[in-house]
Amino acid sequence: MSTTYDDLFNAILAMDAYNRGYGPGLDAYQNNPTAQIGDAAIAVNANGEVLDSTRVFGESNGENVDEAASFYAIAYQLNGETIISYRGTDDGFPFGADLPAWATGAGVYSTPQTLLAAEFYQGINGGSIASNDSITLTGHSLGGGLAGFVGSIYGVAQSSVARLAQRIASIRLQVEALQLVRPAEPQRGMV
């Protein structure tokens, strides 16, 4: 497999998510939260606020919803495309708040982080669960697993770095969803 410019640039955006939002790895953006990375601009809403998980989910009981779940995502704009970057583990692995999301590799699909990752995609996609060819997902490690999970259930392109395995969880979710819509078996005496 060859690495393309897009893959490399998405890897840079995957790492940049660690430096944005709450608990940034670098303080470089504290005075300029919309600073660009190359040609990638931070996506903003109509009020000029950064489109990240802190803005999308807000607070509950005085605490940021994303931070309480050890989750962070941010959206970038590049050449008419939206790139969503999911942050990976940043909370005392293996025993911190990220632990439930690591269960995704074992097939668990309803962790706080997987649910927030799906909701963030829907929020950036205008509230829709439909696939969107103008959105790409990226992330590193756990964030890459979240990008892979969301991409596989919504049919969205993904380019991740050293990602957590998520395939079992996405297959389990798809199988269970199909069982919900499967026609009922005819019962004896009814046909």
Protein backbone atom coordinates (compact mmCIF):
# COMPACT_ATOMS: atom_id res chain seq x y z
CA MET A 1 0.00 0.00 0.00
CA SER A 2 1.39 3.37 -0.94
CA THR A 3 1.02 6.43 1.23
CA THR A 4 -0.54 9.37 -0.53
CA TYR A 5 -0.31 13.05 0.26
CA ASP A 6 -3.90 12.90 1.58
CA ASP A 7 -3.03 10.02 3.92
CA LEU A 8 0.00 11.88 5.22
CA PHE A 9 -1.91 15.12 5.70
CA ASN A 10 -4.75 13.26 7.47
CA ALA A 11 -2.14 11.75 9.80
CA ILE A 12 -0.98 15.27 10.65
CA LEU A 13 -4.59 16.29 11.37
CA ALA A 14 -5.03 13.14 13.48
CA MET A 15 -2.11 14.23 15.63
CA ASP A 16 -3.27 17.86 15.71
CA ALA A 17 -6.44 16.83 17.61
CA TYR A 18 -4.24 16.16 20.65
CA ASN A 19 -3.28 19.85 20.65
CA ARG A 20 -6.80 21.31 20.50
CA GLY A 21 -9.70 21.53 22.94
CA TYR A 22 -9.45 20.57 26.59
CA GLY A 23 -6.11 19.27 27.91
CA PRO A 24 -4.05 20.13 24.82
CA GLY A 25 -0.63 18.54 24.45
CA LEU A 26 0.77 21.91 23.32
CA ASP A 27 -0.42 25.35 24.30
CA ALA A 28 0.34 26.69 20.82
CA TYR A 29 -3.32 27.32 19.94
CA GLN A 30 -4.65 28.77 23.20
CA ASN A 31 -4.51 32.34 21.86
CA ASN A 32 -5.53 31.34 18.34
CA PRO A 33 -7.88 28.32 18.41
CA THR A 34 -8.67 28.65 14.70
CA ALA A 35 -5.02 28.52 13.57
CA GLN A 36 -4.71 26.59 10.32
CA ILE A 37 -2.61 23.51 9.67
CA GLY A 38 -1.22 24.05 6.17
CA ASP A 39 -4.25 24.71 3.97
CA ALA A 40 -6.67 23.03 6.40
CA ALA A 41 -8.83 25.57 8.20
CA ILE A 42 -10.62 24.78 11.44
CA ALA A 43 -14.33 24.46 10.65
CA VAL A 44 -16.44 27.08 12.39
CA ASN A 45 -20.17 27.59 12.85
CA ALA A 46 -22.16 30.70 11.85
CA ASN A 47 -21.01 32.43 15.05
CA GLY A 48 -17.33 31.82 14.25
CA GLU A 49 -16.99 29.18 17.00
CA VAL A 50 -14.74 26.18 16.44
CA LEU A 51 -16.69 23.06 15.40
CA ASP A 52 -15.33 20.62 17.93
CA SER A 53 -16.94 18.17 20.34
CA THR A 54 -16.91 20.71 23.18
CA ARG A 55 -19.11 23.09 21.13
CA VAL A 56 -21.30 20.36 19.61
CA PHE A 57 -22.11 18.57 22.90
CA GLY A 58 -21.85 21.46 25.38
CA GLU A 59 -22.19 20.91 29.11
CA SER A 60 -24.20 18.67 31.39
CA ASN A 61 -24.26 19.29 35.13
CA GLY A 62 -21.52 21.91 34.79
CA GLU A 63 -19.10 19.55 33.03
CA ASN A 64 -18.17 19.29 29.35
CA VAL A 65 -19.86 16.18 27.95
CA ASP A 66 -16.87 15.28 25.76
CA GLU A 67 -14.27 15.76 28.48
CA ALA A 68 -16.29 13.68 30.97
CA ALA A 69 -16.11 10.77 28.49
CA SER A 70 -12.45 11.44 27.62
CA PHE A 71 -13.55 12.15 24.05
CA TYR A 72 -12.49 14.89 21.67
CA ALA A 73 -13.08 15.49 17.97
CA ILE A 74 -12.61 18.49 15.69
CA ALA A 75 -13.60 19.28 12.10
CA TYR A 76 -11.33 20.86 9.48
CA GLN A 77 -12.14 22.29 6.04
CA LEU A 78 -9.77 21.54 3.15
CA ASN A 79 -10.51 22.07 -0.55
CA GLY A 80 -14.28 21.83 -0.09
CA GLU A 81 -14.00 18.69 2.03
CA THR A 82 -14.60 18.25 5.75
CA ILE A 83 -12.11 16.15 7.68
CA ILE A 84 -13.14 14.98 11.13
CA SER A 85 -10.26 14.09 13.43
CA TYR A 86 -10.89 11.94 16.51
CA ARG A 87 -8.38 12.22 19.38
CA GLY A 88 -6.92 8.98 20.71
CA THR A 89 -6.08 7.86 24.24
CA ASP A 90 -4.99 10.68 26.49
CA ASP A 91 -6.20 9.63 29.92
CA GLY A 92 -3.96 7.22 31.79
CA PHE A 93 -4.30 4.10 29.64
CA PRO A 94 -5.14 1.40 30.49
CA PHE A 95 -7.13 2.39 33.56
CA GLY A 96 -8.42 5.88 32.74
CA ALA A 97 -11.69 7.05 31.23
CA ASP A 98 -10.59 5.70 27.82
CA LEU A 99 -10.79 2.09 28.99
CA PRO A 100 -14.43 1.46 27.91
CA ALA A 101 -13.66 2.57 24.35
CA TRP A 102 -10.81 0.06 24.11
CA ALA A 103 -13.49 -2.63 24.51
CA THR A 104 -14.52 -1.69 20.96
CA GLY A 105 -11.64 -3.88 19.79
CA ALA A 106 -13.36 -6.82 21.48
CA GLY A 107 -16.69 -6.09 19.79
CA VAL A 108 -18.39 -3.70 22.24
CA TYR A 109 -19.99 -0.93 20.20
CA SER A 110 -22.00 1.08 22.73
CA THR A 111 -19.29 2.81 24.77
CA PRO A 112 -19.56 6.51 25.63
CA GLN A 113 -16.81 7.34 23.12
CA THR A 114 -18.22 5.30 20.23
CA LEU A 115 -21.64 6.90 20.77
CA LEU A 116 -20.14 10.41 20.90
CA ALA A 117 -18.03 9.68 17.79
CA ALA A 118 -21.16 8.69 15.86
CA GLU A 119 -23.10 11.70 17.18
CA PHE A 120 -20.26 14.06 16.25
CA TYR A 121 -20.25 12.73 12.67
CA GLN A 122 -24.02 13.19 12.48
CA GLY A 123 -23.74 16.73 13.87
CA ILE A 124 -21.11 17.72 11.31
CA ASN A 125 -23.19 15.99 8.60
CA GLY A 126 -26.17 18.25 9.30
CA GLY A 127 -27.90 15.77 11.62
CA SER A 128 -27.97 13.08 8.94
CA ILE A 129 -26.88 9.46 9.27
CA ALA A 130 -26.38 9.24 5.50
CA SER A 131 -22.99 8.66 3.93
CA ASN A 132 -21.31 11.85 2.73
CA ASP A 133 -18.60 11.82 0.08
CA SER A 134 -17.34 15.24 1.18
CA ILE A 135 -16.44 14.01 4.69
CA THR A 136 -13.32 12.02 5.57
CA LEU A 137 -12.56 10.64 9.02
CA THR A 138 -9.15 10.34 10.62
CA GLY A 139 -7.63 9.65 14.01
CA HIS A 140 -4.67 8.14 15.79
CA SER A 141 -4.74 4.99 17.95
CA LEU A 142 -8.09 4.96 19.78
CA GLY A 143 -9.14 7.94 17.64
CA GLY A 144 -8.31 5.90 14.53
CA GLY A 145 -10.47 3.08 15.85
CA LEU A 146 -13.34 5.53 16.37
CA ALA A 147 -12.83 6.87 12.82
CA GLY A 148 -12.86 3.29 11.50
CA PHE A 149 -15.99 2.43 13.50
CA VAL A 150 -17.94 5.50 12.38
CA GLY A 151 -16.69 5.13 8.80
CA SER A 152 -17.74 1.50 8.61
CA ILE A 153 -21.27 2.05 9.95
CA TYR A 154 -21.96 5.18 7.86
CA GLY A 155 -19.95 4.28 4.74
CA VAL A 156 -17.57 7.25 5.08
CA ALA A 157 -13.98 7.39 3.84
CA GLN A 158 -11.36 7.04 6.55
CA SER A 159 -7.62 7.41 6.83
CA SER A 160 -6.29 6.51 10.26
CA VAL A 161 -2.91 6.14 11.95
CA ALA A 162 -2.06 3.08 14.11
CA ARG A 163 -5.72 2.52 14.81
CA LEU A 164 -7.45 0.36 17.36
CA ALA A 165 -9.23 -2.61 15.81
CA GLN A 166 -12.94 -1.86 15.54
CA ARG A 167 -14.12 -4.29 12.89
CA ILE A 168 -15.73 -6.77 15.30
CA ALA A 169 -17.78 -3.99 16.94
CA SER A 170 -18.99 -2.59 13.62
CA ILE A 171 -19.93 -6.07 12.35
CA ARG A 172 -21.82 -6.82 15.59
CA LEU A 173 -23.73 -3.54 15.29
CA GLN A 174 -24.62 -4.22 11.65
CA VAL A 175 -25.76 -7.79 12.39
CA GLU A 176 -27.91 -6.66 15.31
CA ALA A 177 -29.40 -3.88 13.18
CA LEU A 178 -30.27 -6.40 10.46
CA GLN A 179 -31.96 -8.64 13.02
CA LEU A 180 -34.20 -5.73 13.99
CA VAL A 181 -35.48 -5.31 10.43
CA ARG A 182 -35.60 -8.97 9.44
CA PRO A 183 -39.14 -10.13 8.63
CA ALA A 184 -40.67 -12.38 11.26
CA GLU A 185 -40.67 -16.09 10.58
CA PRO A 186 -44.12 -17.39 9.70
CA GLN A 187 -45.55 -19.37 12.57
CA ARG A 188 -47.07 -22.83 12.21
CA GLY A 189 -50.74 -22.67 11.32
CA MET A 190 -50.54 -19.10 9.99
CA VAL A 191 -49.60 -20.00 6.40
